[in-house]
Amino acid sequence: MKRVTSLLIAMMLVLGLGSSAWAAAKKDFSSAWTIYVGWMPWPYAAEAGIVKKWADKYGITIAVTQITITWSRSTSTRPASSTA
């Protein structure tokens, strides 16, 4: 039983440590935000230099971009009208 437990622990360590080598280090990130009250800190952080400060600290680049969502009748969440 002890041998099986040791073997399982060794396998988990090898798989856990080896898996980080499979991912390539990423240096460029993008964050998109819309006009929504919960997301409004993003433009403030970008304009005040907070995002750049943290990006510089970790040696990465972060692009913060506002996107606009346009709703049309076909994408509306209104229920379909019944004509019965």
N, C-alpha and C. Protein backbone atom coordinates (compact mmCIF):
# COMPACT_ATOMS: atom_id res chain seq x y z
N MET A 1 0.83 -1.20 0.00
CA MET A 1 0.00 0.00 0.00
C MET A 1 0.87 1.26 0.00
N LYS A 2 1.95 1.20 0.79
CA LYS A 2 2.84 2.35 0.86
C LYS A 2 3.53 2.60 -0.48
N ARG A 3 3.85 1.51 -1.16
CA ARG A 3 4.52 1.62 -2.47
C ARG A 3 3.58 2.25 -3.50
N VAL A 4 2.32 1.83 -3.47
CA VAL A 4 1.33 2.38 -4.41
C VAL A 4 1.13 3.87 -4.16
N THR A 5 1.05 4.26 -2.89
CA THR A 5 0.88 5.66 -2.55
C THR A 5 2.09 6.47 -3.01
N SER A 6 3.28 5.97 -2.79
CA SER A 6 4.49 6.66 -3.22
C SER A 6 4.54 6.80 -4.73
N LEU A 7 4.13 5.75 -5.43
CA LEU A 7 4.12 5.78 -6.88
C LEU A 7 3.12 6.82 -7.40
N LEU A 8 1.93 6.88 -6.79
CA LEU A 8 0.93 7.87 -7.19
C LEU A 8 1.41 9.29 -6.95
N ILE A 9 2.03 9.52 -5.82
CA ILE A 9 2.56 10.85 -5.50
C ILE A 9 3.65 11.24 -6.49
N ALA A 10 4.53 10.30 -6.84
CA ALA A 10 5.60 10.57 -7.79
C ALA A 10 5.03 10.89 -9.17
N MET A 11 3.99 10.16 -9.59
CA MET A 11 3.37 10.42 -10.89
C MET A 11 2.71 11.79 -10.92
N MET A 12 2.04 12.17 -9.83
CA MET A 12 1.39 13.47 -9.78
C MET A 12 2.42 14.59 -9.84
N LEU A 13 3.54 14.41 -9.17
CA LEU A 13 4.59 15.43 -9.20
C LEU A 13 5.18 15.57 -10.60
N VAL A 14 5.45 14.46 -11.25
CA VAL A 14 6.03 14.51 -12.59
C VAL A 14 5.05 15.16 -13.56
N LEU A 15 3.79 14.78 -13.51
CA LEU A 15 2.80 15.35 -14.41
C LEU A 15 2.55 16.83 -14.09
N GLY A 16 2.53 17.17 -12.83
CA GLY A 16 2.30 18.56 -12.44
C GLY A 16 3.45 19.47 -12.81
N LEU A 17 4.66 19.04 -12.62
CA LEU A 17 5.82 19.86 -12.94
C LEU A 17 6.09 19.91 -14.44
N GLY A 18 5.81 18.84 -15.13
CA GLY A 18 6.06 18.79 -16.57
C GLY A 18 5.04 19.56 -17.37
N SER A 19 3.84 19.73 -16.86
CA SER A 19 2.79 20.39 -17.63
C SER A 19 3.06 21.87 -17.85
N SER A 20 3.81 22.51 -16.96
CA SER A 20 4.09 23.93 -17.13
C SER A 20 5.00 24.19 -18.33
N ALA A 21 5.77 23.20 -18.74
CA ALA A 21 6.65 23.36 -19.89
C ALA A 21 5.88 23.34 -21.19
N TRP A 22 4.66 22.84 -21.20
CA TRP A 22 3.86 22.76 -22.42
C TRP A 22 3.31 24.12 -22.82
N ALA A 23 3.10 25.00 -21.89
CA ALA A 23 2.51 26.31 -22.19
C ALA A 23 3.61 27.30 -22.54
N ALA A 24 3.41 28.04 -23.62
CA ALA A 24 4.37 29.06 -24.00
C ALA A 24 4.12 30.31 -23.17
N ALA A 25 5.18 30.98 -22.82
CA ALA A 25 5.04 32.22 -22.05
C ALA A 25 4.39 33.28 -22.92
N LYS A 26 3.36 33.92 -22.41
CA LYS A 26 2.63 34.93 -23.16
C LYS A 26 3.00 36.30 -22.61
N LYS A 27 3.29 37.23 -23.50
CA LYS A 27 3.73 38.56 -23.08
C LYS A 27 2.74 39.67 -23.44
N ASP A 28 1.81 39.41 -24.35
CA ASP A 28 0.87 40.44 -24.80
C ASP A 28 -0.56 40.02 -24.46
N PHE A 29 -1.30 40.93 -23.83
CA PHE A 29 -2.67 40.65 -23.42
C PHE A 29 -3.57 41.78 -23.86
N SER A 30 -4.84 41.46 -24.09
CA SER A 30 -5.85 42.45 -24.45
C SER A 30 -7.03 42.32 -23.52
N SER A 31 -7.57 43.44 -23.13
CA SER A 31 -8.78 43.46 -22.31
C SER A 31 -9.76 44.41 -22.96
N ALA A 32 -10.96 43.91 -23.27
CA ALA A 32 -11.98 44.74 -23.89
C ALA A 32 -13.10 44.99 -22.87
N TRP A 33 -13.64 46.19 -22.89
CA TRP A 33 -14.70 46.53 -21.95
C TRP A 33 -15.79 47.30 -22.67
N THR A 34 -17.00 47.24 -22.13
CA THR A 34 -18.14 47.99 -22.68
C THR A 34 -18.61 48.98 -21.62
N ILE A 35 -19.50 49.86 -22.02
CA ILE A 35 -20.07 50.82 -21.08
C ILE A 35 -21.03 50.07 -20.16
N TYR A 36 -20.53 49.67 -19.04
CA TYR A 36 -21.30 48.98 -18.02
C TYR A 36 -20.69 49.41 -16.70
N VAL A 37 -21.51 49.71 -15.72
CA VAL A 37 -21.01 50.32 -14.49
C VAL A 37 -19.92 49.47 -13.80
N GLY A 38 -20.01 48.17 -13.88
CA GLY A 38 -19.02 47.31 -13.23
C GLY A 38 -17.68 47.29 -13.94
N TRP A 39 -17.65 47.71 -15.19
CA TRP A 39 -16.41 47.67 -15.96
C TRP A 39 -15.76 49.04 -16.09
N MET A 40 -16.36 50.08 -15.55
CA MET A 40 -15.84 51.43 -15.70
C MET A 40 -14.46 51.66 -15.05
N PRO A 41 -14.04 50.87 -14.10
CA PRO A 41 -12.67 51.06 -13.60
C PRO A 41 -11.59 50.79 -14.64
N TRP A 42 -11.88 50.00 -15.69
CA TRP A 42 -10.86 49.72 -16.70
C TRP A 42 -10.37 50.96 -17.42
N PRO A 43 -11.26 51.83 -17.94
CA PRO A 43 -10.71 53.02 -18.60
C PRO A 43 -9.99 53.94 -17.63
N TYR A 44 -10.47 54.03 -16.40
CA TYR A 44 -9.78 54.85 -15.40
C TYR A 44 -8.38 54.31 -15.14
N ALA A 45 -8.28 53.00 -14.96
CA ALA A 45 -6.98 52.38 -14.68
C ALA A 45 -6.02 52.57 -15.86
N ALA A 46 -6.55 52.49 -17.07
CA ALA A 46 -5.70 52.69 -18.26
C ALA A 46 -5.23 54.14 -18.35
N GLU A 47 -6.14 55.08 -18.14
CA GLU A 47 -5.79 56.50 -18.26
C GLU A 47 -4.89 56.97 -17.13
N ALA A 48 -5.06 56.42 -15.94
CA ALA A 48 -4.26 56.84 -14.78
C ALA A 48 -2.90 56.15 -14.74
N GLY A 49 -2.66 55.20 -15.65
CA GLY A 49 -1.36 54.53 -15.69
C GLY A 49 -1.26 53.30 -14.79
N ILE A 50 -2.36 52.91 -14.18
CA ILE A 50 -2.34 51.75 -13.28
C ILE A 50 -2.08 50.46 -14.04
N VAL A 51 -2.74 50.31 -15.19
CA VAL A 51 -2.54 49.10 -16.00
C VAL A 51 -1.09 49.02 -16.48
N LYS A 52 -0.54 50.13 -16.94
CA LYS A 52 0.85 50.15 -17.40
C LYS A 52 1.82 49.83 -16.26
N LYS A 53 1.54 50.35 -15.09
CA LYS A 53 2.39 50.10 -13.93
C LYS A 53 2.50 48.60 -13.65
N TRP A 54 1.35 47.92 -13.66
CA TRP A 54 1.36 46.48 -13.39
C TRP A 54 1.94 45.68 -14.55
N ALA A 55 1.69 46.14 -15.77
CA ALA A 55 2.27 45.47 -16.93
C ALA A 55 3.80 45.57 -16.90
N ASP A 56 4.30 46.76 -16.58
CA ASP A 56 5.75 46.95 -16.49
C ASP A 56 6.35 46.09 -15.38
N LYS A 57 5.62 45.98 -14.27
CA LYS A 57 6.11 45.19 -13.14
C LYS A 57 6.34 43.74 -13.53
N TYR A 58 5.45 43.21 -14.38
CA TYR A 58 5.54 41.80 -14.77
C TYR A 58 6.13 41.60 -16.16
N GLY A 59 6.59 42.68 -16.80
CA GLY A 59 7.25 42.57 -18.10
C GLY A 59 6.32 42.14 -19.23
N ILE A 60 5.09 42.61 -19.19
CA ILE A 60 4.11 42.28 -20.22
C ILE A 60 3.49 43.55 -20.77
N THR A 61 2.69 43.41 -21.82
CA THR A 61 1.92 44.55 -22.33
C THR A 61 0.44 44.21 -22.25
N ILE A 62 -0.35 45.22 -21.88
CA ILE A 62 -1.79 45.04 -21.76
C ILE A 62 -2.47 46.16 -22.55
N ALA A 63 -3.29 45.78 -23.51
CA ALA A 63 -4.07 46.75 -24.29
C ALA A 63 -5.49 46.75 -23.75
N VAL A 64 -5.95 47.91 -23.32
CA VAL A 64 -7.32 48.05 -22.80
C VAL A 64 -8.12 48.80 -23.86
N THR A 65 -9.16 48.16 -24.38
CA THR A 65 -9.93 48.70 -25.50
C THR A 65 -11.42 48.71 -25.17
N GLN A 66 -12.07 49.83 -25.49
CA GLN A 66 -13.53 49.90 -25.34
C GLN A 66 -14.18 49.35 -26.59
N ILE A 67 -15.19 48.52 -26.40
CA ILE A 67 -15.95 48.02 -27.54
C ILE A 67 -17.39 48.49 -27.40
N THR A 68 -18.08 48.60 -28.50
CA THR A 68 -19.47 49.03 -28.49
C THR A 68 -20.33 47.88 -28.99
N ILE A 69 -21.36 47.58 -28.24
CA ILE A 69 -22.29 46.53 -28.63
C ILE A 69 -23.56 47.21 -29.11
N THR A 70 -23.96 46.89 -30.32
CA THR A 70 -25.17 47.45 -30.90
C THR A 70 -26.23 46.36 -30.95
N TRP A 71 -27.34 46.61 -30.29
CA TRP A 71 -28.42 45.63 -30.27
C TRP A 71 -29.39 45.93 -31.39
N SER A 72 -29.82 44.90 -32.06
CA SER A 72 -30.84 45.06 -33.09
C SER A 72 -32.04 44.18 -32.72
N ARG A 73 -33.09 44.27 -33.48
CA ARG A 73 -34.27 43.45 -33.18
C ARG A 73 -33.94 41.96 -33.21
N SER A 74 -33.06 41.55 -34.10
CA SER A 74 -32.74 40.13 -34.22
C SER A 74 -31.96 39.62 -33.02
N THR A 75 -31.27 40.50 -32.30
CA THR A 75 -30.52 40.07 -31.12
C THR A 75 -31.18 40.48 -29.84
N SER A 76 -32.40 41.00 -29.93
CA SER A 76 -33.12 41.44 -28.75
C SER A 76 -33.50 40.26 -27.86
N THR A 77 -33.61 40.51 -26.57
CA THR A 77 -34.01 39.45 -25.65
C THR A 77 -35.50 39.51 -25.35
N ARG A 78 -36.23 40.36 -26.08
CA ARG A 78 -37.68 40.42 -25.88
C ARG A 78 -38.32 39.12 -26.34
N PRO A 79 -39.33 38.66 -25.61
CA PRO A 79 -39.99 37.42 -26.03
C PRO A 79 -40.75 37.63 -27.34
N ALA A 80 -40.84 36.57 -28.10
CA ALA A 80 -41.56 36.65 -29.37
C ALA A 80 -43.05 36.88 -29.09
N SER A 81 -43.68 37.70 -29.91
CA SER A 81 -45.10 37.97 -29.71
C SER A 81 -45.93 36.82 -30.31
N SER A 82 -46.98 36.50 -29.63
CA SER A 82 -47.83 35.42 -30.14
C SER A 82 -49.03 36.04 -30.85
N THR A 83 -49.41 35.47 -31.94
CA THR A 83 -50.53 35.98 -32.73
C THR A 83 -51.71 35.02 -32.70
N ALA A 84 -51.75 34.14 -31.70
CA ALA A 84 -52.82 33.14 -31.63
C ALA A 84 -54.11 33.69 -31.10
